[in-house]
Amino acid sequence: MQIDLSVPHDLPCLEGHFPGTPIVPGVVQIDWAIRLAADYLQLQLEAGTHFQVKYRRLFLPGRQVTLTLLSKNDYLRFDYSDTGEMLSSGSIRLKMADGP
């Protein structure tokens, strides 16, 4: 699943996350991946553990990025790219909520 995102310059999480060169924090990237996977992949998530993020390029605000999500077994893999260049990638071990 690929989702196009517009990352604004004025995200509250950018304040103080490096003055002069704001960078989208890894915890925000993980949060977006989990939330959007729950919505778009229809995952009923209880929790996430074993977070891993690998940074390849600076993830700066004010750009269009593509988030790619892949859910396999009990892992969610994700990457963020900008015009084909990977900015970051990672994985999250998922604990699914018990069904109704």
N, C-alpha and C. Protein backbone atom coordinates (compact mmCIF):
# COMPACT_ATOMS: atom_id res chain seq x y z
N MET A 1 0.85 -1.17 0.00
CA MET A 1 0.00 0.00 0.00
C MET A 1 0.90 1.24 0.00
N GLN A 2 0.60 2.17 -0.90
CA GLN A 2 1.33 3.44 -0.93
C GLN A 2 0.37 4.58 -0.67
N ILE A 3 0.82 5.52 0.17
CA ILE A 3 0.01 6.67 0.56
C ILE A 3 0.86 7.92 0.37
N ASP A 4 0.34 8.87 -0.39
CA ASP A 4 1.04 10.14 -0.57
C ASP A 4 0.68 11.08 0.57
N LEU A 5 1.70 11.69 1.16
CA LEU A 5 1.52 12.59 2.29
C LEU A 5 2.15 13.94 2.00
N SER A 6 1.51 14.98 2.49
CA SER A 6 2.08 16.32 2.44
C SER A 6 2.53 16.66 3.86
N VAL A 7 3.80 16.92 4.02
CA VAL A 7 4.37 17.18 5.35
C VAL A 7 4.55 18.69 5.49
N PRO A 8 3.69 19.35 6.30
CA PRO A 8 3.77 20.80 6.43
C PRO A 8 4.99 21.27 7.22
N HIS A 9 5.34 22.52 7.02
CA HIS A 9 6.47 23.14 7.74
C HIS A 9 6.17 23.38 9.21
N ASP A 10 4.87 23.49 9.55
CA ASP A 10 4.52 23.93 10.90
C ASP A 10 4.03 22.80 11.81
N LEU A 11 4.55 21.61 11.65
CA LEU A 11 4.19 20.52 12.55
C LEU A 11 4.66 20.86 13.97
N PRO A 12 3.79 20.72 14.97
CA PRO A 12 4.20 21.03 16.34
C PRO A 12 5.41 20.21 16.81
N CYS A 13 5.58 19.00 16.31
CA CYS A 13 6.69 18.15 16.75
C CYS A 13 8.05 18.66 16.26
N LEU A 14 8.07 19.61 15.35
CA LEU A 14 9.33 20.11 14.81
C LEU A 14 9.98 21.15 15.71
N GLU A 15 9.19 21.74 16.58
CA GLU A 15 9.74 22.78 17.45
C GLU A 15 10.85 22.20 18.32
N GLY A 16 12.03 22.73 18.16
CA GLY A 16 13.18 22.27 18.94
C GLY A 16 13.83 21.01 18.39
N HIS A 17 13.26 20.44 17.33
CA HIS A 17 13.87 19.23 16.76
C HIS A 17 14.70 19.62 15.56
N PHE A 18 15.53 20.21 15.75
CA PHE A 18 16.77 20.84 15.42
C PHE A 18 16.56 22.22 14.83
N PRO A 19 16.77 23.23 15.69
CA PRO A 19 16.61 24.62 15.26
C PRO A 19 17.46 24.93 14.03
N GLY A 20 16.83 25.58 13.08
CA GLY A 20 17.52 25.93 11.83
C GLY A 20 17.38 24.87 10.76
N THR A 21 17.29 23.62 11.15
CA THR A 21 17.10 22.51 10.21
C THR A 21 16.15 21.51 10.84
N PRO A 22 14.84 21.80 10.81
CA PRO A 22 13.89 20.88 11.42
C PRO A 22 13.83 19.55 10.65
N ILE A 23 13.83 18.47 11.40
CA ILE A 23 13.79 17.12 10.84
C ILE A 23 12.60 16.39 11.45
N VAL A 24 11.84 15.69 10.62
CA VAL A 24 10.68 14.94 11.11
C VAL A 24 11.21 13.80 12.00
N PRO A 25 10.84 13.81 13.30
CA PRO A 25 11.36 12.82 14.25
C PRO A 25 10.94 11.39 13.91
N GLY A 26 11.80 10.45 14.25
CA GLY A 26 11.52 9.04 14.02
C GLY A 26 10.26 8.58 14.72
N VAL A 27 10.01 9.06 15.92
CA VAL A 27 8.80 8.65 16.65
C VAL A 27 7.55 9.09 15.91
N VAL A 28 7.60 10.21 15.23
CA VAL A 28 6.47 10.69 14.43
C VAL A 28 6.29 9.79 13.20
N GLN A 29 7.39 9.42 12.58
CA GLN A 29 7.32 8.54 11.42
C GLN A 29 6.70 7.19 11.80
N ILE A 30 7.07 6.66 12.95
CA ILE A 30 6.50 5.40 13.44
C ILE A 30 5.02 5.57 13.73
N ASP A 31 4.66 6.66 14.39
CA ASP A 31 3.26 6.92 14.71
C ASP A 31 2.41 7.00 13.45
N TRP A 32 2.87 7.73 12.45
CA TRP A 32 2.13 7.83 11.19
C TRP A 32 1.96 6.45 10.55
N ALA A 33 3.03 5.66 10.54
CA ALA A 33 2.97 4.33 9.92
C ALA A 33 1.93 3.46 10.63
N ILE A 34 1.92 3.47 11.96
CA ILE A 34 0.96 2.65 12.71
C ILE A 34 -0.47 3.13 12.47
N ARG A 35 -0.68 4.43 12.59
CA ARG A 35 -2.04 4.97 12.42
C ARG A 35 -2.58 4.73 11.01
N LEU A 36 -1.75 4.99 10.01
CA LEU A 36 -2.21 4.83 8.64
C LEU A 36 -2.36 3.35 8.27
N ALA A 37 -1.54 2.48 8.83
CA ALA A 37 -1.72 1.04 8.60
C ALA A 37 -3.03 0.57 9.19
N ALA A 38 -3.37 1.06 10.37
CA ALA A 38 -4.65 0.68 10.99
C ALA A 38 -5.81 1.10 10.09
N ASP A 39 -5.73 2.31 9.54
CA ASP A 39 -6.81 2.82 8.68
C ASP A 39 -6.83 2.15 7.31
N TYR A 40 -5.71 2.18 6.61
CA TYR A 40 -5.68 1.73 5.22
C TYR A 40 -5.58 0.22 5.04
N LEU A 41 -4.92 -0.45 5.98
CA LEU A 41 -4.78 -1.91 5.88
C LEU A 41 -5.80 -2.62 6.77
N GLN A 42 -6.62 -1.81 7.45
CA GLN A 42 -7.69 -2.33 8.29
C GLN A 42 -7.16 -3.28 9.37
N LEU A 43 -6.04 -2.90 9.97
CA LEU A 43 -5.46 -3.71 11.03
C LEU A 43 -6.05 -3.29 12.37
N GLN A 44 -6.44 -4.25 13.17
CA GLN A 44 -6.92 -3.97 14.52
C GLN A 44 -5.75 -4.17 15.46
N LEU A 45 -5.07 -3.07 15.75
CA LEU A 45 -3.83 -3.12 16.52
C LEU A 45 -4.07 -2.85 17.99
N GLU A 46 -3.40 -3.63 18.81
CA GLU A 46 -3.43 -3.38 20.25
C GLU A 46 -2.19 -2.61 20.67
N ALA A 47 -1.05 -2.99 20.07
CA ALA A 47 0.21 -2.35 20.45
C ALA A 47 1.26 -2.62 19.39
N GLY A 48 2.36 -1.90 19.50
CA GLY A 48 3.51 -2.13 18.65
C GLY A 48 4.74 -2.22 19.54
N THR A 49 5.66 -3.10 19.19
CA THR A 49 6.91 -3.25 19.94
C THR A 49 8.05 -3.42 18.95
N HIS A 50 9.25 -3.47 19.47
CA HIS A 50 10.44 -3.73 18.65
C HIS A 50 10.50 -2.78 17.45
N PHE A 51 10.54 -1.51 17.74
CA PHE A 51 10.57 -0.48 16.70
C PHE A 51 11.99 -0.38 16.13
N GLN A 52 12.05 -0.25 14.82
CA GLN A 52 13.33 -0.07 14.16
C GLN A 52 13.15 0.95 13.05
N VAL A 53 14.01 1.95 13.01
CA VAL A 53 13.98 2.95 11.94
C VAL A 53 15.42 3.14 11.45
N LYS A 54 15.58 3.14 10.15
CA LYS A 54 16.88 3.39 9.54
C LYS A 54 16.75 4.64 8.69
N TYR A 55 17.59 5.63 8.95
CA TYR A 55 17.54 6.89 8.23
C TYR A 55 18.55 6.84 7.09
N ARG A 56 18.08 7.22 5.91
CA ARG A 56 18.95 7.22 4.74
C ARG A 56 19.25 8.64 4.26
N ARG A 57 18.28 9.51 4.41
CA ARG A 57 18.42 10.93 4.05
C ARG A 57 17.65 11.74 5.07
N LEU A 58 17.92 13.03 5.14
CA LEU A 58 17.16 13.89 6.04
C LEU A 58 15.71 13.96 5.61
N PHE A 59 14.82 13.75 6.55
CA PHE A 59 13.37 13.84 6.31
C PHE A 59 12.95 15.22 6.77
N LEU A 60 12.92 16.14 5.83
CA LEU A 60 12.62 17.54 6.12
C LEU A 60 11.15 17.83 5.86
N PRO A 61 10.56 18.77 6.59
CA PRO A 61 9.17 19.15 6.35
C PRO A 61 9.06 19.97 5.07
N GLY A 62 7.81 20.19 4.64
CA GLY A 62 7.56 21.02 3.46
C GLY A 62 7.70 20.26 2.16
N ARG A 63 7.49 18.98 2.21
CA ARG A 63 7.63 18.19 0.98
C ARG A 63 6.52 17.15 0.88
N GLN A 64 6.36 16.64 -0.30
CA GLN A 64 5.45 15.53 -0.56
C GLN A 64 6.27 14.25 -0.41
N VAL A 65 5.76 13.30 0.34
CA VAL A 65 6.45 12.02 0.48
C VAL A 65 5.46 10.89 0.22
N THR A 66 5.99 9.74 -0.08
CA THR A 66 5.18 8.55 -0.25
C THR A 66 5.54 7.58 0.87
N LEU A 67 4.52 7.16 1.59
CA LEU A 67 4.67 6.15 2.64
C LEU A 67 4.24 4.82 2.04
N THR A 68 5.13 3.83 2.09
CA THR A 68 4.81 2.49 1.63
C THR A 68 4.69 1.59 2.85
N LEU A 69 3.57 0.87 2.95
CA LEU A 69 3.29 -0.01 4.09
C LEU A 69 3.15 -1.45 3.61
N LEU A 70 3.71 -2.36 4.37
CA LEU A 70 3.57 -3.79 4.09
C LEU A 70 3.40 -4.51 5.41
N SER A 71 2.27 -5.19 5.56
CA SER A 71 2.01 -5.98 6.75
C SER A 71 2.21 -7.45 6.40
N LYS A 72 3.12 -8.08 7.14
CA LYS A 72 3.41 -9.49 6.87
C LYS A 72 3.66 -10.18 8.20
N ASN A 73 2.94 -11.29 8.40
CA ASN A 73 2.99 -12.01 9.67
C ASN A 73 2.63 -11.03 10.78
N ASP A 74 3.49 -10.85 11.75
CA ASP A 74 3.16 -9.91 12.82
C ASP A 74 4.07 -8.67 12.77
N TYR A 75 4.54 -8.33 11.57
CA TYR A 75 5.38 -7.14 11.40
C TYR A 75 4.75 -6.18 10.39
N LEU A 76 4.95 -4.90 10.68
CA LEU A 76 4.61 -3.85 9.74
C LEU A 76 5.92 -3.25 9.26
N ARG A 77 6.14 -3.29 7.98
CA ARG A 77 7.33 -2.66 7.40
C ARG A 77 6.88 -1.39 6.68
N PHE A 78 7.72 -0.36 6.76
CA PHE A 78 7.35 0.91 6.15
C PHE A 78 8.58 1.60 5.59
N ASP A 79 8.34 2.45 4.61
CA ASP A 79 9.39 3.36 4.18
C ASP A 79 8.76 4.64 3.67
N TYR A 80 9.52 5.70 3.82
CA TYR A 80 9.13 7.03 3.34
C TYR A 80 10.10 7.40 2.23
N SER A 81 9.56 7.86 1.10
CA SER A 81 10.42 8.26 -0.01
C SER A 81 9.93 9.58 -0.60
N ASP A 82 10.84 10.24 -1.26
CA ASP A 82 10.56 11.52 -1.91
C ASP A 82 11.10 11.41 -3.33
N THR A 83 10.21 11.46 -4.31
CA THR A 83 10.57 11.32 -5.73
C THR A 83 11.52 10.15 -5.97
N GLY A 84 11.18 9.02 -5.38
CA GLY A 84 11.95 7.81 -5.60
C GLY A 84 13.15 7.61 -4.69
N GLU A 85 13.56 8.64 -3.96
CA GLU A 85 14.69 8.51 -3.04
C GLU A 85 14.17 8.14 -1.65
N MET A 86 14.67 7.04 -1.10
CA MET A 86 14.23 6.61 0.21
C MET A 86 14.80 7.54 1.29
N LEU A 87 13.91 8.03 2.14
CA LEU A 87 14.32 8.89 3.25
C LEU A 87 14.58 8.07 4.50
N SER A 88 13.67 7.13 4.79
CA SER A 88 13.82 6.27 5.95
C SER A 88 13.00 5.00 5.74
N SER A 89 13.33 3.98 6.52
CA SER A 89 12.58 2.73 6.47
C SER A 89 12.60 2.13 7.86
N GLY A 90 11.69 1.21 8.10
CA GLY A 90 11.67 0.59 9.40
C GLY A 90 10.68 -0.54 9.50
N SER A 91 10.62 -1.09 10.70
CA SER A 91 9.68 -2.16 10.97
C SER A 91 9.19 -2.05 12.40
N ILE A 92 8.01 -2.61 12.62
CA ILE A 92 7.36 -2.59 13.92
C ILE A 92 6.75 -3.97 14.11
N ARG A 93 7.01 -4.57 15.25
CA ARG A 93 6.33 -5.83 15.56
C ARG A 93 4.97 -5.48 16.12
N LEU A 94 3.94 -6.09 15.60
CA LEU A 94 2.57 -5.74 15.95
C LEU A 94 1.94 -6.78 16.88
N LYS A 95 1.13 -6.28 17.78
CA LYS A 95 0.28 -7.15 18.57
C LYS A 95 -1.14 -6.78 18.16
N MET A 96 -1.81 -7.74 17.55
CA MET A 96 -3.16 -7.50 17.06
C MET A 96 -4.16 -7.59 18.21
N ALA A 97 -5.17 -6.74 18.14
CA ALA A 97 -6.25 -6.78 19.13
C ALA A 97 -7.07 -8.03 18.88
N ASP A 98 -7.61 -8.59 19.95
CA ASP A 98 -8.50 -9.74 19.80
C ASP A 98 -9.76 -9.28 19.10
N GLY A 99 -10.24 -10.08 18.18
CA GLY A 99 -11.44 -9.74 17.42
C GLY A 99 -12.68 -9.72 18.30
N PRO A 100 -13.78 -9.16 17.77
CA PRO A 100 -15.02 -9.08 18.56
C PRO A 100 -15.63 -10.44 18.84
